[in-house]
Amino acid sequence: MGGERTRWLEGYRVKIVDGNCLEASEHHIQERREAKGRALPGKSLVVYEPACGLVTDVFPCEDGHAQERSLFGALLKTVKARDLWIEDRNFCPRDFLCEIDNLGAFFVTRAHQG
């Protein structure tokens, strides 16, 4: 439809991935809202493509105790050659980064302040 934005880096499909905690819900019955054993909200990995201005993938996980890394397998299935993944330090286990490289894609890992 001609709505694409200017590419950040010509020749690459830039994707930004980050983890997200799904918002807690107040739809539990009143007695369960304050219970110590109540379930935690889930987590997800979200992929944003700046050239489209859209979130193009979401990988949800209902386990609030899970780490983002438990969703790497699903994320790797979407990696294609000439992708450039921008991620934070939580996404830098060696095996994960090597697999991105093996698939012909690239990554930039941003460091947190401090």
Protein backbone atom coordinates (compact mmCIF):
# COMPACT_ATOMS: atom_id res chain seq x y z
CA MET A 1 0.00 0.00 0.00
CA GLY A 2 3.06 2.27 -0.12
CA GLY A 3 3.03 2.97 3.62
CA GLU A 4 6.57 1.82 4.36
CA ARG A 5 8.83 4.22 6.18
CA THR A 6 12.43 5.01 5.37
CA ARG A 7 14.61 2.01 6.11
CA TRP A 8 17.03 2.37 8.99
CA LEU A 9 19.73 0.43 7.14
CA GLU A 10 19.43 -0.22 3.43
CA GLY A 11 19.55 -3.90 2.47
CA TYR A 12 18.50 -5.18 5.90
CA ARG A 13 15.18 -5.86 7.53
CA VAL A 14 15.56 -4.29 10.99
CA LYS A 15 13.67 -5.91 13.85
CA ILE A 16 13.64 -4.82 17.48
CA VAL A 17 12.82 -7.48 20.06
CA ASP A 18 12.13 -7.01 23.75
CA GLY A 19 10.44 -8.84 26.57
CA ASN A 20 7.20 -7.69 28.09
CA CYS A 21 5.17 -8.63 31.16
CA LEU A 22 1.51 -9.03 30.32
CA GLU A 23 -0.59 -6.70 32.39
CA ALA A 24 -2.18 -8.06 35.52
CA SER A 25 -5.94 -8.29 35.50
CA GLU A 26 -8.37 -7.19 38.17
CA HIS A 27 -10.97 -9.60 36.84
CA HIS A 28 -10.21 -12.12 39.58
CA ILE A 29 -12.90 -12.44 42.19
CA GLN A 30 -12.34 -10.04 45.08
CA GLU A 31 -11.19 -12.78 47.49
CA ARG A 32 -8.40 -13.89 45.11
CA ARG A 33 -6.97 -10.41 44.39
CA GLU A 34 -4.95 -10.30 47.59
CA ALA A 35 -4.15 -14.04 47.88
CA LYS A 36 -0.43 -14.78 48.23
CA GLY A 37 -0.60 -17.82 45.93
CA ARG A 38 -2.33 -16.08 43.03
CA ALA A 39 -1.01 -16.55 39.52
CA LEU A 40 1.47 -14.07 38.08
CA PRO A 41 0.68 -12.40 34.78
CA GLY A 42 2.41 -14.01 31.80
CA LYS A 43 5.29 -12.77 29.69
CA SER A 44 5.87 -12.26 26.01
CA LEU A 45 8.49 -11.38 23.44
CA VAL A 46 7.42 -8.59 21.11
CA VAL A 47 9.00 -7.87 17.70
CA TYR A 48 8.71 -4.37 16.23
CA GLU A 49 9.69 -3.52 12.65
CA PRO A 50 10.45 0.20 12.31
CA ALA A 51 10.16 0.16 8.50
CA CYS A 52 6.50 -0.82 8.88
CA GLY A 53 5.84 0.99 12.14
CA LEU A 54 4.16 -2.18 13.40
CA VAL A 55 4.55 -4.96 15.90
CA THR A 56 4.90 -7.95 13.58
CA ASP A 57 5.28 -10.83 16.04
CA VAL A 58 4.25 -11.57 19.60
CA PHE A 59 5.35 -14.73 21.41
CA PRO A 60 3.18 -15.12 24.53
CA CYS A 61 3.90 -17.32 27.54
CA GLU A 62 1.31 -17.86 30.24
CA ASP A 63 3.96 -18.77 32.86
CA GLY A 64 4.72 -15.62 34.85
CA HIS A 65 7.83 -17.29 36.30
CA ALA A 66 9.36 -18.08 32.90
CA GLN A 67 12.36 -16.19 31.58
CA GLU A 68 12.37 -14.48 28.19
CA ARG A 69 15.00 -16.99 27.12
CA SER A 70 12.43 -19.80 27.21
CA LEU A 71 10.81 -18.21 24.14
CA PHE A 72 14.00 -18.03 22.04
CA GLY A 73 13.15 -21.20 20.10
CA ALA A 74 9.93 -19.71 18.75
CA LEU A 75 11.69 -16.45 17.94
CA LEU A 76 14.49 -18.22 16.03
CA LYS A 77 11.90 -19.79 13.71
CA THR A 78 11.18 -16.29 12.34
CA VAL A 79 14.82 -15.28 11.70
CA LYS A 80 15.69 -14.88 8.04
CA ALA A 81 18.89 -14.01 6.18
CA ARG A 82 19.62 -10.27 6.06
CA ASP A 83 17.58 -9.57 9.21
CA LEU A 84 19.21 -7.18 11.66
CA TRP A 85 17.98 -7.86 15.19
CA ILE A 86 18.30 -5.14 17.83
CA GLU A 87 18.01 -6.50 21.35
CA ASP A 88 19.11 -5.85 24.90
CA ARG A 89 21.59 -7.80 27.02
CA ASN A 90 18.97 -10.37 28.02
CA PHE A 91 19.14 -11.71 24.47
CA CYS A 92 22.86 -12.42 24.30
CA PRO A 93 23.42 -16.07 25.27
CA ARG A 94 26.11 -17.38 22.95
CA ASP A 95 24.01 -20.23 21.50
CA PHE A 96 21.19 -17.85 20.59
CA LEU A 97 23.51 -15.34 18.90
CA CYS A 98 25.40 -18.09 17.06
CA GLU A 99 22.11 -19.43 15.69
CA ILE A 100 21.18 -15.96 14.39
CA ASP A 101 24.57 -15.88 12.66
CA ASN A 102 24.11 -19.42 11.26
CA LEU A 103 20.82 -18.30 9.70
CA GLY A 104 22.58 -15.49 7.81
CA ALA A 105 21.16 -12.74 9.99
CA PHE A 106 22.86 -10.11 12.17
CA PHE A 107 22.36 -8.60 15.61
CA VAL A 108 23.15 -5.52 17.63
CA THR A 109 22.96 -5.86 21.41
CA ARG A 110 22.40 -2.67 23.32
CA ALA A 111 23.91 -2.26 26.77
CA HIS A 112 21.95 -0.96 29.73
CA GLN A 113 23.16 2.23 31.37
CA GLY A 114 25.58 1.60 34.21
